[in-house]
Amino acid sequence: EKQILDCVTNFMTGYYGLRKYLTTPFPFPLIQMEHTFLFFYVYTMSFALVKVFDTMLQNVLIVFIATYGFMGLDLVSCELDDPFGEEPSDLPVIGEMRSVIEDVYMTVLD
């Protein structure tokens, strides 16, 4: 009986942790500031690198790699903003729920 109560306590702790994560809004002005700073940084970086590299090809290549990296990080952060949706990149909540139910069922039967 104590084992079941411990499992239920751990499950409820995790459940309320996820619920707190879902109900805490992410401030939209913070996202706007991040997009603005990223835009400003990426589009002014080439001016700062003009005197660092000798050829235009080196400058273009470094700016492209940095832009690709920063924009990729921004897109990944936007994608991970809500991991509990219906998109293909979201967490498999239904599968995890079935696994938890099976584990509880097996614990009760043992």
Foldseek 3Di string as FASTA:
>chain_A
DVVLVVLVVVVVVVVVVVVVLVPDDDDPVVLVVVVVVLVVCLVCVLVVCPVVDDDPVVSVVVSVVVNVVVVVVNVVCVVPSDQPDDDPNHDPPVVVVVVSVVVSVVVVVD
